[in-house]
Amino acid sequence: MNRVAGKVVLVTGAARGQGRSHAVRVAQEGADVIAFDLCADIASNEYPLATPADLDETERLVKETGQRVFAARVDVRDREGVETALAEAVEALGGLHVVVANAGICPLGKHISTAGFVDAFDVNFLGVVNTVHAALEYLGEGGSIIAIGSVAGLVPQTGFNGQQALQGPGGDGYGLAKKMIATYTSSLALTLGPSSIRVNAIHPTNVNTDMLQSMPMYRTFRPDLENPTAEDAAVTFPFMQAMPTPWVEPEDISHAVVYLSSDESRFVTGQQLRVDAGAGMKIGL
């Protein structure tokens, strides 16, 4: 307990899934939380995104830990909107020490238009950049920036071991965004190192969230079936990992977020941390 006591942590995509898990875990360890989420669907993305009620639930769960929370509907693609909401949040909570740029979408399918590429790239990369750059004026010595990438995004678009590729323009945009997160965080770590602000990325494998448990993802893992079920996809989900598991849980990523948020990682920067059950090894990362 209290591994991040006294810190204020910004989490984007905080209404559900990984984002909610990250927000609640840092709160359990003593941090106050700024929770941002779009809370609306994006047309090219064919599974439902989080709702205002989801964000309300995250807010409730954080408050239940005894920590303060500032929750707001924010589109990470809108730099001005991020800056405005963040300024209000910092004033309300008295500072900012950690940024967890987590918001992401995955609009898969060969039938998706080029809007899928634009939306996936804008949320998954420009959203990270907007969030981090808006936060820089508030971060000081000991600050931590954590970007959530994806091992799946690092897979060559020719496919995973010749099988599962991230299909369509949205898959291409997703993969490009996640690859660029690795380069971006490494470069920014060098830039911010003299200020004692550390920058790292976490790259999960399959995570048991609404993004994974969706028809577009089931079809990616079972392209041989027109309408695969969760049970159909579960047969192939384990193929990605070296360890015998179909996925990891959001909490498995949150443990790494807590570590990188805490002073335990005060000299850890420029790292690409894979929480992937060995998936990266299978593609030679």
Protein backbone atom coordinates (compact mmCIF):
# COMPACT_ATOMS: atom_id res chain seq x y z
CA MET A 1 0.00 0.00 0.00
CA ASN A 2 0.92 3.68 -0.46
CA ARG A 3 3.46 3.00 -3.21
CA VAL A 4 2.28 6.15 -5.02
CA ALA A 5 0.97 8.08 -2.01
CA GLY A 6 0.78 11.83 -2.56
CA LYS A 7 0.88 11.59 -6.34
CA VAL A 8 -1.73 12.68 -8.87
CA VAL A 9 -2.05 10.28 -11.80
CA LEU A 10 -3.74 11.03 -15.13
CA VAL A 11 -5.27 8.01 -16.89
CA THR A 12 -6.87 8.27 -20.33
CA GLY A 13 -9.40 5.72 -21.52
CA ALA A 14 -10.26 5.35 -17.85
CA ALA A 15 -13.95 4.45 -18.11
CA ARG A 16 -13.46 0.69 -18.42
CA GLY A 17 -10.98 -2.06 -19.28
CA GLN A 18 -7.30 -1.41 -18.74
CA GLY A 19 -7.87 2.26 -18.00
CA ARG A 20 -10.30 1.60 -15.17
CA SER A 21 -7.97 -1.03 -13.75
CA HIS A 22 -5.00 1.38 -13.84
CA ALA A 23 -7.02 4.16 -12.19
CA VAL A 24 -8.29 1.93 -9.39
CA ARG A 25 -4.91 0.29 -8.73
CA VAL A 26 -2.99 3.56 -8.39
CA ALA A 27 -5.77 4.83 -6.12
CA GLN A 28 -5.43 1.72 -3.99
CA GLU A 29 -1.74 2.62 -3.70
CA GLY A 30 -2.50 6.13 -2.48
CA ALA A 31 -2.72 8.31 -5.61
CA ASP A 32 -5.41 10.79 -6.56
CA VAL A 33 -6.70 10.20 -10.08
CA ILE A 34 -7.58 12.25 -13.14
CA ALA A 35 -9.81 10.01 -15.27
CA PHE A 36 -10.45 11.00 -18.89
CA ASP A 37 -12.53 9.10 -21.44
CA LEU A 38 -14.40 9.91 -24.66
CA CYS A 39 -17.50 8.01 -23.49
CA ALA A 40 -18.88 7.80 -27.04
CA ASP A 41 -18.62 5.51 -30.04
CA ILE A 42 -16.43 6.14 -33.08
CA ALA A 43 -18.11 5.17 -36.36
CA SER A 44 -15.29 3.14 -37.89
CA ASN A 45 -14.86 1.12 -34.69
CA GLU A 46 -17.52 -1.59 -34.77
CA TYR A 47 -17.57 -2.64 -31.12
CA PRO A 48 -19.18 -0.30 -28.55
CA LEU A 49 -16.88 2.02 -26.66
CA ALA A 50 -17.29 3.13 -23.04
CA THR A 51 -20.29 5.14 -21.86
CA PRO A 52 -20.74 7.99 -19.37
CA ALA A 53 -22.10 5.39 -16.95
CA ASP A 54 -18.83 3.47 -17.25
CA LEU A 55 -16.87 6.58 -16.33
CA ASP A 56 -19.20 7.18 -13.40
CA GLU A 57 -18.42 3.66 -12.19
CA THR A 58 -14.67 4.28 -12.41
CA GLU A 59 -15.16 7.46 -10.42
CA ARG A 60 -17.12 5.54 -7.80
CA LEU A 61 -14.49 2.83 -7.53
CA VAL A 62 -11.68 5.35 -7.07
CA LYS A 63 -13.63 7.23 -4.40
CA GLU A 64 -14.26 3.92 -2.66
CA THR A 65 -10.51 3.68 -2.02
CA GLY A 66 -10.63 7.00 -0.17
CA GLN A 67 -8.74 8.92 -2.86
CA ARG A 68 -9.85 11.99 -4.79
CA VAL A 69 -10.83 11.79 -8.44
CA PHE A 70 -11.46 14.29 -11.23
CA ALA A 71 -13.41 12.57 -14.03
CA ALA A 72 -14.23 14.20 -17.36
CA ARG A 73 -15.36 13.31 -20.86
CA VAL A 74 -12.36 14.15 -23.03
CA ASP A 75 -11.46 13.25 -26.62
CA VAL A 76 -7.69 12.67 -26.72
CA ARG A 77 -7.69 13.57 -30.42
CA ASP A 78 -8.54 17.16 -29.42
CA ARG A 79 -5.37 18.80 -28.05
CA GLU A 80 -7.16 21.95 -26.94
CA GLY A 81 -9.83 19.93 -25.18
CA VAL A 82 -7.20 17.85 -23.39
CA GLU A 83 -5.33 20.98 -22.31
CA THR A 84 -8.48 22.66 -20.99
CA ALA A 85 -9.69 19.64 -19.03
CA LEU A 86 -6.22 18.92 -17.67
CA ALA A 87 -5.79 22.49 -16.44
CA GLU A 88 -9.08 22.20 -14.54
CA ALA A 89 -8.08 18.84 -13.09
CA VAL A 90 -4.64 20.00 -11.97
CA GLU A 91 -6.15 23.03 -10.29
CA ALA A 92 -8.71 20.83 -8.52
CA LEU A 93 -6.22 18.19 -7.32
CA GLY A 94 -3.18 20.38 -6.83
CA GLY A 95 -0.67 18.94 -9.26
CA LEU A 96 0.28 16.17 -11.69
CA HIS A 97 3.02 13.59 -11.27
CA VAL A 98 2.22 10.64 -13.53
CA VAL A 99 0.67 10.29 -16.98
CA VAL A 100 -0.78 6.98 -18.18
CA ALA A 101 -1.63 7.44 -21.86
CA ASN A 102 -3.88 4.43 -22.26
CA ALA A 103 -6.82 5.39 -24.51
CA GLY A 104 -7.08 3.22 -27.59
CA ILE A 105 -9.36 1.67 -30.21
CA CYS A 106 -8.95 -1.18 -32.69
CA PRO A 107 -11.27 -0.89 -35.73
CA LEU A 108 -10.52 -4.21 -37.43
CA GLY A 109 -11.88 -5.67 -40.65
CA LYS A 110 -11.00 -5.65 -44.33
CA HIS A 111 -14.35 -4.00 -45.05
CA ILE A 112 -13.53 -0.95 -42.90
CA SER A 113 -12.91 2.24 -44.89
CA THR A 114 -9.78 4.35 -44.68
CA ALA A 115 -11.52 6.20 -41.85
CA GLY A 116 -10.48 3.23 -39.73
CA PHE A 117 -6.82 4.04 -40.40
CA VAL A 118 -7.34 7.68 -39.50
CA ASP A 119 -9.32 6.96 -36.35
CA ALA A 120 -6.99 4.24 -35.07
CA PHE A 121 -3.88 6.33 -35.66
CA ASP A 122 -5.41 9.51 -34.26
CA VAL A 123 -6.62 7.88 -31.04
CA ASN A 124 -3.72 5.50 -30.50
CA PHE A 125 -0.79 7.75 -31.41
CA LEU A 126 -1.90 11.36 -31.69
CA GLY A 127 -3.96 10.80 -28.54
CA VAL A 128 -0.82 9.73 -26.71
CA VAL A 129 1.10 12.73 -28.01
CA ASN A 130 -1.69 15.16 -27.15
CA THR A 131 -1.99 13.76 -23.64
CA VAL A 132 1.73 13.75 -22.94
CA HIS A 133 2.42 17.16 -24.43
CA ALA A 134 -0.47 18.75 -22.56
CA ALA A 135 0.94 17.28 -19.35
CA LEU A 136 4.56 18.34 -19.78
CA GLU A 137 4.13 21.80 -18.26
CA TYR A 138 2.92 20.23 -15.00
CA LEU A 139 5.51 17.47 -14.61
CA GLY A 140 8.66 18.04 -12.59
CA GLU A 141 11.56 16.06 -11.21
CA GLY A 142 10.45 12.52 -10.44
CA GLY A 143 7.58 12.65 -12.92
CA SER A 144 6.66 9.55 -14.89
CA ILE A 145 5.12 9.16 -18.35
CA ILE A 146 3.73 5.74 -19.25
CA ALA A 147 2.36 4.97 -22.72
CA ILE A 148 0.36 1.80 -23.28
CA GLY A 149 1.43 0.12 -26.50
CA SER A 150 0.69 -3.39 -27.75
CA VAL A 151 2.64 -6.47 -28.71
CA ALA A 152 -0.06 -7.14 -31.31
CA GLY A 153 0.73 -3.74 -32.80
CA LEU A 154 4.35 -4.77 -33.20
CA VAL A 155 3.40 -7.79 -35.31
CA PRO A 156 4.31 -7.38 -39.01
CA GLN A 157 1.16 -6.80 -41.03
CA THR A 158 1.88 -9.98 -42.98
CA GLY A 159 0.51 -11.80 -39.96
CA PHE A 160 1.36 -13.47 -36.68
CA ASN A 161 3.38 -16.55 -37.61
CA GLY A 162 1.70 -16.32 -41.01
CA GLN A 163 -1.75 -16.37 -39.49
CA GLN A 164 -3.46 -13.53 -37.62
CA ALA A 165 -2.77 -10.06 -39.01
CA LEU A 166 -4.52 -6.92 -37.79
CA GLN A 167 -6.93 -6.77 -40.69
CA GLY A 168 -7.83 -3.79 -42.85
CA PRO A 169 -7.04 -0.07 -42.76
CA GLY A 170 -7.90 0.14 -39.07
CA GLY A 171 -5.48 -2.66 -38.32
CA ASP A 172 -2.78 -0.86 -40.31
CA GLY A 173 -3.43 2.36 -38.40
CA TYR A 174 -3.37 0.51 -35.08
CA GLY A 175 -0.10 -1.23 -35.89
CA LEU A 176 1.59 1.95 -37.08
CA ALA A 177 0.47 3.86 -33.99
CA LYS A 178 1.76 1.23 -31.57
CA LYS A 179 5.08 0.92 -33.41
CA MET A 180 5.52 4.69 -33.25
CA ILE A 181 4.82 4.69 -29.50
CA ALA A 182 8.02 2.70 -29.02
CA THR A 183 10.11 5.20 -31.00
CA TYR A 184 8.38 8.21 -29.47
CA THR A 185 8.83 7.13 -25.86
CA SER A 186 12.49 6.21 -26.38
CA SER A 187 13.23 9.60 -27.92
CA LEU A 188 11.26 11.53 -25.32
CA ALA A 189 13.05 9.65 -22.52
CA LEU A 190 16.36 11.05 -23.79
CA THR A 191 14.92 14.54 -24.02
CA LEU A 192 13.43 14.50 -20.51
CA GLY A 193 16.22 12.56 -18.82
CA PRO A 194 18.13 15.71 -17.74
CA SER A 195 14.91 16.88 -16.03
CA SER A 196 14.66 13.57 -14.12
CA ILE A 197 11.34 12.80 -15.79
CA ARG A 198 11.17 9.22 -16.95
CA VAL A 199 9.32 7.88 -19.98
CA ASN A 200 8.45 4.24 -20.58
CA ALA A 201 6.03 2.14 -22.61
CA ILE A 202 4.18 -1.02 -21.64
CA HIS A 203 3.30 -3.45 -24.42
CA PRO A 204 0.65 -6.01 -23.42
CA THR A 205 -0.39 -9.11 -25.31
CA ASN A 206 -4.11 -9.99 -25.50
CA VAL A 207 -5.85 -8.37 -22.53
CA ASN A 208 -9.24 -9.56 -21.34
CA THR A 209 -11.18 -6.37 -22.12
CA ASP A 210 -14.07 -5.30 -24.36
CA MET A 211 -11.60 -4.65 -27.16
CA LEU A 212 -10.49 -8.28 -27.17
CA GLN A 213 -13.92 -9.73 -26.43
CA SER A 214 -15.52 -8.30 -29.58
CA MET A 215 -16.70 -9.64 -32.92
CA PRO A 216 -14.02 -7.79 -34.96
CA MET A 217 -11.31 -9.41 -32.82
CA TYR A 218 -12.98 -12.84 -32.93
CA ARG A 219 -13.01 -12.62 -36.73
CA THR A 220 -9.34 -11.66 -36.76
CA PHE A 221 -8.43 -14.76 -34.78
CA ARG A 222 -10.91 -17.01 -36.61
CA PRO A 223 -10.93 -15.81 -40.23
CA ASP A 224 -12.18 -19.25 -41.25
CA LEU A 225 -15.59 -18.51 -39.65
CA GLU A 226 -18.13 -15.90 -40.71
CA ASN A 227 -19.57 -15.34 -37.25
CA PRO A 228 -17.18 -16.82 -34.69
CA THR A 229 -18.18 -16.95 -31.05
CA ALA A 230 -16.06 -16.18 -28.01
CA GLU A 231 -15.56 -19.91 -27.62
CA ASP A 232 -14.36 -20.21 -31.24
CA ALA A 233 -11.81 -17.44 -30.77
CA ALA A 234 -10.64 -18.84 -27.44
CA VAL A 235 -9.22 -21.80 -29.34
CA THR A 236 -6.72 -19.57 -31.14
CA PHE A 237 -6.09 -16.79 -28.59
CA PRO A 238 -3.39 -18.87 -26.83
CA PHE A 239 -1.34 -19.18 -30.04
CA MET A 240 0.10 -15.69 -29.54
CA GLN A 241 1.71 -16.41 -26.18
CA ALA A 242 4.62 -18.66 -25.26
CA MET A 243 2.91 -19.35 -21.95
CA PRO A 244 -0.33 -21.37 -22.01
CA THR A 245 -2.88 -18.57 -21.61
CA PRO A 246 -5.35 -16.96 -24.03
CA TRP A 247 -4.88 -13.53 -22.47
CA VAL A 248 -3.69 -11.59 -19.46
CA GLU A 249 -6.00 -9.61 -17.19
CA PRO A 250 -6.10 -5.79 -16.98
CA GLU A 251 -4.69 -6.05 -13.46
CA ASP A 252 -1.55 -7.69 -14.84
CA ILE A 253 -0.81 -4.50 -16.78
CA SER A 254 -1.81 -2.34 -13.83
CA HIS A 255 0.87 -3.92 -11.65
CA ALA A 256 3.46 -2.61 -14.13
CA VAL A 257 1.73 0.78 -14.18
CA VAL A 258 1.99 1.03 -10.39
CA TYR A 259 5.69 0.16 -10.51
CA LEU A 260 6.46 2.73 -13.20
CA SER A 261 4.35 5.32 -11.35
CA SER A 262 6.18 4.77 -8.09
CA ASP A 263 9.59 5.95 -6.94
CA GLU A 264 10.67 2.30 -7.08
CA SER A 265 11.30 2.93 -10.78
CA ARG A 266 13.08 6.27 -10.29
CA PHE A 267 15.99 5.26 -12.54
CA VAL A 268 13.97 3.26 -15.08
CA THR A 269 13.45 5.18 -18.31
CA GLY A 270 13.37 4.57 -22.05
CA GLN A 271 12.15 1.02 -21.55
CA GLN A 272 9.73 -1.02 -23.66
CA LEU A 273 8.25 -3.35 -21.06
CA ARG A 274 6.35 -6.29 -22.49
CA VAL A 275 3.69 -7.84 -20.26
CA ASP A 276 2.94 -10.48 -22.84
CA ALA A 277 3.32 -14.05 -21.50
CA GLY A 278 6.16 -14.47 -23.98
CA ALA A 279 4.31 -13.33 -27.11
CA GLY A 280 7.11 -11.00 -28.13
CA MET A 281 9.62 -13.85 -28.10
CA LYS A 282 7.52 -15.71 -30.64
CA ILE A 283 7.96 -12.89 -33.15
CA GLY A 284 11.60 -12.24 -32.33
CA LEU A 285 11.24 -8.99 -30.37
